[in-house]
N, C-alpha and C. Protein backbone atom coordinates (compact mmCIF):
# COMPACT_ATOMS: atom_id res chain seq x y z
N MET A 1 -22.20 20.31 -18.76
CA MET A 1 -22.02 18.86 -18.86
C MET A 1 -20.72 18.60 -18.16
N LYS A 2 -20.53 17.58 -17.28
CA LYS A 2 -19.40 17.24 -16.67
C LYS A 2 -18.42 16.46 -17.49
N ASN A 3 -17.13 16.71 -17.33
CA ASN A 3 -16.24 15.97 -18.14
C ASN A 3 -15.72 14.83 -17.36
N GLN A 4 -14.89 14.03 -18.01
CA GLN A 4 -14.41 12.73 -17.46
C GLN A 4 -13.68 12.94 -16.10
N ASP A 5 -12.83 14.04 -16.04
CA ASP A 5 -12.16 14.26 -14.63
C ASP A 5 -13.16 14.50 -13.66
N ASP A 6 -14.26 15.35 -13.92
CA ASP A 6 -15.26 15.53 -12.82
C ASP A 6 -15.75 14.24 -12.38
N HIS A 7 -16.24 13.37 -13.33
CA HIS A 7 -16.78 12.02 -13.03
C HIS A 7 -15.85 11.16 -12.23
N LEU A 8 -14.58 11.20 -12.62
CA LEU A 8 -13.57 10.27 -11.95
C LEU A 8 -13.36 10.86 -10.50
N ASN A 9 -13.31 12.19 -10.37
CA ASN A 9 -13.16 12.83 -9.09
C ASN A 9 -14.31 12.38 -8.18
N HIS A 10 -15.55 12.57 -8.60
CA HIS A 10 -16.71 12.20 -7.77
C HIS A 10 -16.72 10.59 -7.41
N ALA A 11 -16.30 9.86 -8.41
CA ALA A 11 -16.30 8.39 -8.22
C ALA A 11 -15.28 8.09 -7.21
N ILE A 12 -14.19 8.71 -7.09
CA ILE A 12 -13.14 8.38 -6.12
C ILE A 12 -13.69 8.94 -4.80
N ILE A 13 -14.35 9.97 -4.64
CA ILE A 13 -14.91 10.60 -3.43
C ILE A 13 -15.91 9.62 -2.92
N GLU A 14 -16.76 9.14 -3.84
CA GLU A 14 -17.84 8.25 -3.33
C GLU A 14 -17.43 7.00 -2.82
N PHE A 15 -16.33 6.47 -3.59
CA PHE A 15 -15.69 5.22 -3.14
C PHE A 15 -15.10 5.38 -1.64
N TYR A 16 -14.40 6.46 -1.53
CA TYR A 16 -13.78 6.74 -0.28
C TYR A 16 -14.93 6.87 0.91
N GLU A 17 -15.95 7.52 0.61
CA GLU A 17 -17.03 7.65 1.66
C GLU A 17 -17.65 6.30 2.02
N LYS A 18 -17.80 5.48 0.91
CA LYS A 18 -18.49 4.15 1.19
C LYS A 18 -17.51 3.31 1.90
N LEU A 19 -16.12 3.27 1.54
CA LEU A 19 -15.23 2.53 2.29
C LEU A 19 -15.06 3.02 3.68
N SER A 20 -15.05 4.22 3.90
CA SER A 20 -14.94 4.83 5.22
C SER A 20 -16.20 4.47 6.05
N SER A 21 -17.28 4.46 5.53
CA SER A 21 -18.56 4.02 6.13
C SER A 21 -18.54 2.59 6.54
N TRP A 22 -18.05 1.79 5.67
CA TRP A 22 -17.93 0.37 5.91
C TRP A 22 -16.93 0.11 7.05
N GLU A 23 -15.79 0.80 7.03
CA GLU A 23 -14.80 0.55 8.02
C GLU A 23 -15.24 1.01 9.39
N MET A 24 -16.05 2.12 9.38
CA MET A 24 -16.49 2.62 10.73
C MET A 24 -17.59 1.47 11.27
N ALA A 25 -18.38 0.97 10.41
CA ALA A 25 -19.34 0.07 10.78
C ALA A 25 -18.74 -1.24 11.27
N VAL A 26 -17.70 -1.68 10.69
CA VAL A 26 -16.94 -2.86 11.11
C VAL A 26 -16.30 -2.76 12.43
N VAL A 27 -15.77 -1.50 12.83
CA VAL A 27 -15.05 -1.40 14.02
C VAL A 27 -15.85 -0.81 15.19
N LYS A 28 -17.06 -0.37 14.94
CA LYS A 28 -17.72 0.54 15.99
C LYS A 28 -18.04 -0.43 17.16
N ASP A 29 -18.25 -1.74 17.05
CA ASP A 29 -18.63 -2.53 18.21
C ASP A 29 -17.52 -3.26 18.88
N ASN A 30 -16.41 -3.07 18.41
CA ASN A 30 -15.22 -3.90 18.92
C ASN A 30 -14.43 -3.17 20.14
N GLY A 31 -14.92 -1.86 20.46
CA GLY A 31 -14.12 -1.18 21.50
C GLY A 31 -12.88 -0.51 21.22
N PHE A 32 -12.50 -0.42 19.99
CA PHE A 32 -11.29 0.14 19.60
C PHE A 32 -11.65 1.29 18.60
N SER A 33 -10.87 2.34 18.54
CA SER A 33 -11.03 3.46 17.58
C SER A 33 -10.48 3.04 16.08
N LEU A 34 -10.89 3.67 15.27
CA LEU A 34 -10.45 3.39 13.86
C LEU A 34 -8.95 3.64 13.73
N PRO A 35 -8.30 4.66 14.35
CA PRO A 35 -6.87 4.87 14.27
C PRO A 35 -6.09 3.55 14.89
N GLN A 36 -6.73 3.08 15.99
CA GLN A 36 -6.16 1.90 16.53
C GLN A 36 -6.08 0.78 15.72
N VAL A 37 -7.26 0.54 15.01
CA VAL A 37 -7.39 -0.53 14.12
C VAL A 37 -6.43 -0.40 12.90
N HIS A 38 -6.39 0.76 12.38
CA HIS A 38 -5.41 1.03 11.39
C HIS A 38 -3.97 0.76 11.68
N THR A 39 -3.67 1.15 13.01
CA THR A 39 -2.35 0.83 13.46
C THR A 39 -2.04 -0.66 13.57
N VAL A 40 -3.08 -1.50 13.97
CA VAL A 40 -2.90 -2.78 13.97
C VAL A 40 -2.73 -3.36 12.63
N GLU A 41 -3.57 -2.82 11.54
CA GLU A 41 -3.40 -3.26 10.18
C GLU A 41 -1.93 -2.96 9.75
N ILE A 42 -1.40 -1.85 9.98
CA ILE A 42 -0.11 -1.41 9.39
C ILE A 42 0.93 -2.37 10.00
N LEU A 43 0.86 -2.64 11.37
CA LEU A 43 1.89 -3.54 11.93
C LEU A 43 1.72 -4.98 11.56
N GLY A 44 0.47 -5.25 11.35
CA GLY A 44 0.16 -6.65 10.80
C GLY A 44 0.76 -6.83 9.38
N LEU A 45 0.68 -5.95 8.62
CA LEU A 45 1.17 -5.97 7.24
C LEU A 45 2.77 -5.90 7.14
N ASN A 46 3.28 -5.06 8.08
CA ASN A 46 4.69 -4.62 7.95
C ASN A 46 5.60 -5.27 9.06
N GLY A 47 5.02 -5.77 10.07
CA GLY A 47 5.80 -6.33 11.21
C GLY A 47 6.23 -5.02 12.19
N PRO A 48 7.25 -5.40 13.12
CA PRO A 48 7.56 -4.42 14.14
C PRO A 48 8.06 -3.04 13.35
N MET A 49 7.73 -2.01 13.83
CA MET A 49 8.25 -0.69 13.20
C MET A 49 8.65 0.19 14.32
N ARG A 50 9.63 1.17 13.89
CA ARG A 50 9.96 2.25 14.84
C ARG A 50 8.81 3.20 14.90
N MET A 51 8.70 3.86 16.06
CA MET A 51 7.62 4.83 16.30
C MET A 51 7.66 5.79 15.16
N LYS A 52 8.87 6.40 14.73
CA LYS A 52 8.85 7.45 13.76
C LYS A 52 8.32 6.89 12.43
N GLU A 53 8.59 5.73 11.92
CA GLU A 53 8.16 5.13 10.82
C GLU A 53 6.67 4.82 10.79
N LEU A 54 6.20 4.38 11.88
CA LEU A 54 4.78 4.12 12.03
C LEU A 54 4.03 5.41 12.07
N ALA A 55 4.43 6.42 12.75
CA ALA A 55 3.77 7.76 12.70
C ALA A 55 3.67 8.29 11.29
N GLU A 56 4.66 8.20 10.47
CA GLU A 56 4.71 8.55 9.11
C GLU A 56 3.72 7.77 8.22
N LYS A 57 3.65 6.45 8.42
CA LYS A 57 2.68 5.69 7.59
C LYS A 57 1.24 5.97 7.98
N ILE A 58 1.02 6.31 9.24
CA ILE A 58 -0.35 6.69 9.73
C ILE A 58 -0.67 8.13 9.40
N GLY A 59 0.42 8.99 9.39
CA GLY A 59 0.10 10.32 8.99
C GLY A 59 -0.28 11.27 10.21
N VAL A 60 0.51 10.88 11.36
CA VAL A 60 0.31 11.49 12.68
C VAL A 60 1.77 11.95 13.17
N THR A 61 1.77 12.81 14.20
CA THR A 61 3.08 13.09 14.85
C THR A 61 3.40 11.98 15.85
N THR A 62 4.68 11.94 16.19
CA THR A 62 5.06 10.87 17.10
C THR A 62 4.37 11.15 18.44
N GLY A 63 4.13 12.35 18.75
CA GLY A 63 3.42 12.62 20.00
C GLY A 63 2.07 12.12 19.95
N THR A 64 1.33 12.30 18.98
CA THR A 64 -0.01 11.75 18.89
C THR A 64 0.00 10.16 18.87
N LEU A 65 1.07 9.63 18.10
CA LEU A 65 1.11 8.19 18.19
C LEU A 65 1.45 7.71 19.47
N THR A 66 2.29 8.38 20.22
CA THR A 66 2.70 7.89 21.66
C THR A 66 1.43 7.78 22.54
N VAL A 67 0.54 8.74 22.47
CA VAL A 67 -0.69 8.63 23.30
C VAL A 67 -1.51 7.34 22.88
N GLN A 68 -1.59 7.15 21.59
CA GLN A 68 -2.26 6.05 21.04
C GLN A 68 -1.77 4.76 21.44
N ILE A 69 -0.37 4.64 21.19
CA ILE A 69 0.27 3.41 21.56
C ILE A 69 0.21 3.10 23.03
N ASP A 70 0.23 4.08 23.95
CA ASP A 70 0.01 3.88 25.34
C ASP A 70 -1.23 3.12 25.59
N LYS A 71 -2.45 3.69 24.95
CA LYS A 71 -3.67 3.05 25.06
C LYS A 71 -3.66 1.56 24.52
N MET A 72 -3.00 1.36 23.41
CA MET A 72 -3.08 0.19 22.89
C MET A 72 -2.12 -0.87 23.64
N VAL A 73 -1.15 -0.44 24.37
CA VAL A 73 -0.28 -1.32 25.24
C VAL A 73 -1.12 -1.69 26.28
N LYS A 74 -1.96 -0.70 26.86
CA LYS A 74 -2.87 -1.13 28.05
C LYS A 74 -3.93 -2.17 27.61
N ALA A 75 -4.39 -1.98 26.34
CA ALA A 75 -5.31 -2.89 25.87
C ALA A 75 -4.80 -4.29 25.41
N GLY A 76 -3.41 -4.42 25.42
CA GLY A 76 -2.78 -5.59 25.20
C GLY A 76 -2.74 -5.98 23.70
N LEU A 77 -2.82 -4.89 22.84
CA LEU A 77 -2.75 -5.10 21.42
C LEU A 77 -1.23 -5.04 20.92
N VAL A 78 -0.47 -4.15 21.51
CA VAL A 78 0.91 -3.92 21.07
C VAL A 78 1.84 -4.00 22.31
N LEU A 79 3.10 -4.03 21.92
CA LEU A 79 4.06 -3.85 23.04
C LEU A 79 5.20 -3.03 22.38
N ARG A 80 5.93 -2.43 23.34
CA ARG A 80 7.17 -1.59 22.82
C ARG A 80 8.33 -2.47 23.24
N ARG A 81 9.43 -2.39 22.37
CA ARG A 81 10.64 -3.01 22.81
C ARG A 81 11.76 -2.17 22.35
N ALA A 82 12.92 -2.30 22.88
CA ALA A 82 14.06 -1.68 22.38
C ALA A 82 14.53 -2.17 21.01
N HIS A 83 15.07 -1.30 20.21
CA HIS A 83 15.50 -1.76 18.84
C HIS A 83 16.93 -2.44 19.14
N GLU A 84 17.09 -3.51 18.45
CA GLU A 84 18.22 -4.39 18.69
C GLU A 84 19.56 -3.67 18.35
N THR A 85 19.64 -2.84 17.29
CA THR A 85 20.85 -2.13 16.97
C THR A 85 20.85 -0.70 17.12
N ASP A 86 19.80 -0.07 17.42
CA ASP A 86 19.73 1.44 17.67
C ASP A 86 19.06 1.60 19.02
N ARG A 87 19.88 1.95 19.97
CA ARG A 87 19.38 2.12 21.34
C ARG A 87 18.52 3.28 21.50
N ARG A 88 18.55 4.19 20.52
CA ARG A 88 17.63 5.36 20.71
C ARG A 88 16.29 5.07 20.24
N SER A 89 16.17 3.99 19.36
CA SER A 89 14.75 3.63 18.77
C SER A 89 13.98 2.63 19.67
N ILE A 90 12.67 2.86 19.61
CA ILE A 90 11.75 1.93 20.11
C ILE A 90 10.96 1.32 18.96
N LEU A 91 10.83 -0.02 19.00
CA LEU A 91 10.04 -0.75 18.03
C LEU A 91 8.68 -1.06 18.75
N VAL A 92 7.63 -0.96 17.79
CA VAL A 92 6.18 -1.31 18.39
C VAL A 92 5.84 -2.45 17.55
N GLU A 93 5.40 -3.54 18.23
CA GLU A 93 4.94 -4.77 17.53
C GLU A 93 3.66 -5.26 18.14
N LEU A 94 2.93 -6.05 17.36
CA LEU A 94 1.74 -6.68 17.75
C LEU A 94 1.97 -7.78 18.89
N THR A 95 1.04 -7.73 19.84
CA THR A 95 1.12 -8.97 20.63
C THR A 95 0.26 -10.01 20.08
N ASP A 96 0.07 -11.15 20.65
CA ASP A 96 -0.72 -12.30 20.08
C ASP A 96 -2.14 -11.75 19.91
N ALA A 97 -2.68 -11.02 20.98
CA ALA A 97 -4.02 -10.46 20.77
C ALA A 97 -4.15 -9.50 19.58
N GLY A 98 -3.08 -8.63 19.55
CA GLY A 98 -3.05 -7.78 18.28
C GLY A 98 -3.04 -8.52 16.98
N GLN A 99 -2.30 -9.54 16.90
CA GLN A 99 -2.21 -10.39 15.82
C GLN A 99 -3.54 -10.99 15.46
N VAL A 100 -4.18 -11.52 16.38
CA VAL A 100 -5.55 -12.11 16.17
C VAL A 100 -6.46 -11.01 15.67
N MET A 101 -6.38 -9.84 16.22
CA MET A 101 -7.27 -8.75 15.83
C MET A 101 -7.02 -8.43 14.27
N PHE A 102 -5.71 -8.39 13.95
CA PHE A 102 -5.24 -8.20 12.59
C PHE A 102 -5.79 -9.19 11.64
N GLU A 103 -5.59 -10.45 11.99
CA GLU A 103 -6.11 -11.52 11.09
C GLU A 103 -7.62 -11.47 10.84
N GLU A 104 -8.29 -11.21 11.97
CA GLU A 104 -9.86 -11.04 11.87
C GLU A 104 -10.18 -9.90 11.04
N HIS A 105 -9.63 -8.69 11.15
CA HIS A 105 -9.93 -7.53 10.46
C HIS A 105 -9.45 -7.82 8.89
N ASP A 106 -8.38 -8.31 8.66
CA ASP A 106 -7.89 -8.66 7.39
C ASP A 106 -8.77 -9.51 6.58
N GLU A 107 -9.36 -10.55 7.34
CA GLU A 107 -10.37 -11.35 6.61
C GLU A 107 -11.61 -10.66 6.22
N LEU A 108 -12.11 -9.68 7.08
CA LEU A 108 -13.10 -8.73 6.68
C LEU A 108 -12.84 -8.02 5.41
N HIS A 109 -11.59 -7.42 5.32
CA HIS A 109 -11.11 -6.74 4.07
C HIS A 109 -11.09 -7.77 2.91
N MET A 110 -10.64 -9.01 3.03
CA MET A 110 -10.63 -9.93 2.05
C MET A 110 -11.96 -10.28 1.55
N GLN A 111 -12.97 -10.32 2.37
CA GLN A 111 -14.32 -10.55 2.07
C GLN A 111 -14.92 -9.40 1.30
N LEU A 112 -14.57 -8.17 1.71
CA LEU A 112 -15.12 -7.06 1.05
C LEU A 112 -14.50 -6.99 -0.46
N THR A 113 -13.24 -7.27 -0.52
CA THR A 113 -12.55 -7.21 -1.77
C THR A 113 -13.31 -8.22 -2.69
N ALA A 114 -13.54 -9.43 -2.21
CA ALA A 114 -14.19 -10.54 -2.98
C ALA A 114 -15.64 -10.04 -3.33
N ASP A 115 -16.37 -9.40 -2.43
CA ASP A 115 -17.60 -8.99 -2.82
C ASP A 115 -17.59 -7.92 -3.87
N LEU A 116 -16.68 -6.97 -3.78
CA LEU A 116 -16.67 -5.84 -4.73
C LEU A 116 -16.18 -6.26 -6.02
N THR A 117 -15.47 -7.36 -6.12
CA THR A 117 -14.83 -7.71 -7.43
C THR A 117 -15.48 -8.99 -7.98
N VAL A 118 -16.56 -9.53 -7.41
CA VAL A 118 -16.99 -10.77 -7.81
C VAL A 118 -17.43 -10.93 -9.28
N ASN A 119 -17.72 -9.74 -9.84
CA ASN A 119 -18.14 -9.79 -11.33
C ASN A 119 -16.88 -9.38 -12.19
N PHE A 120 -15.75 -9.30 -11.68
CA PHE A 120 -14.49 -8.91 -12.43
C PHE A 120 -13.93 -10.28 -12.92
N ASN A 121 -13.35 -10.22 -14.13
CA ASN A 121 -12.48 -11.37 -14.52
C ASN A 121 -11.06 -11.14 -14.11
N ASP A 122 -10.24 -12.14 -14.28
CA ASP A 122 -8.88 -12.10 -13.80
C ASP A 122 -8.13 -10.82 -14.43
N GLU A 123 -8.37 -10.52 -15.75
CA GLU A 123 -7.67 -9.40 -16.31
C GLU A 123 -8.13 -8.11 -15.67
N GLU A 124 -9.45 -8.01 -15.30
CA GLU A 124 -9.90 -6.82 -14.78
C GLU A 124 -9.29 -6.59 -13.34
N ARG A 125 -9.21 -7.80 -12.67
CA ARG A 125 -8.57 -7.69 -11.22
C ARG A 125 -7.18 -7.30 -11.38
N SER A 126 -6.47 -7.86 -12.42
CA SER A 126 -5.00 -7.33 -12.49
C SER A 126 -4.95 -5.96 -12.98
N GLN A 127 -5.84 -5.48 -13.72
CA GLN A 127 -5.76 -3.98 -14.10
C GLN A 127 -6.03 -3.17 -12.90
N MET A 128 -7.14 -3.61 -12.01
CA MET A 128 -7.44 -2.85 -10.86
C MET A 128 -6.26 -2.86 -10.01
N LEU A 129 -5.55 -3.95 -9.74
CA LEU A 129 -4.46 -3.92 -8.91
C LEU A 129 -3.33 -3.06 -9.38
N ASP A 130 -3.15 -3.01 -10.61
CA ASP A 130 -2.18 -2.09 -11.25
C ASP A 130 -2.58 -0.63 -10.95
N PHE A 131 -3.77 -0.36 -11.24
CA PHE A 131 -4.32 1.04 -11.00
C PHE A 131 -4.04 1.49 -9.56
N PHE A 132 -4.38 0.50 -8.64
CA PHE A 132 -4.22 0.90 -7.23
C PHE A 132 -2.80 1.08 -6.73
N LYS A 133 -1.83 0.13 -7.30
CA LYS A 133 -0.58 0.42 -7.03
C LYS A 133 -0.06 1.72 -7.58
N ARG A 134 -0.43 2.10 -8.82
CA ARG A 134 0.09 3.34 -9.43
C ARG A 134 -0.52 4.52 -8.61
N ILE A 135 -1.85 4.56 -8.18
CA ILE A 135 -2.36 5.62 -7.37
C ILE A 135 -1.64 5.55 -6.10
N ASN A 136 -1.41 4.56 -5.35
CA ASN A 136 -0.75 4.46 -4.08
C ASN A 136 0.71 4.96 -4.08
N ASN A 137 1.35 4.82 -5.29
CA ASN A 137 2.66 5.34 -5.45
C ASN A 137 2.75 6.90 -5.55
N GLU A 138 1.51 7.35 -5.86
CA GLU A 138 1.50 8.90 -5.92
C GLU A 138 1.47 9.61 -4.56
N PHE A 139 1.11 8.84 -3.65
CA PHE A 139 1.10 9.33 -2.19
C PHE A 139 2.44 9.25 -1.60
């Protein structure tokens, strides 16, 4: 018989797999890769970021990120600019087209959240938010 930790573990894995499948289905027809969409999400939520900070948030090396950002610059989603106070740093920021992509994708996430929590009351939503914040702080 499985204990509660086993059930929780499998529930987390199942949620991750379902969310990943949903995410892949959402981005598959837009011509961009999932890492590119995630980069747009991070920049849309955080604003312009240094390459090193962005690479850390995404979980890749700056070399890997450089290749990805090159493609995104060519696609018109982001641009690079010199940091105002640190000449050694390059900031990456969304273009207008990148901002539109972020807003459209964020709206899909908002709809998913609404769909998943439609039967939750305000207290349950608040608890879920607290749980996710605590979980995210562990990373």
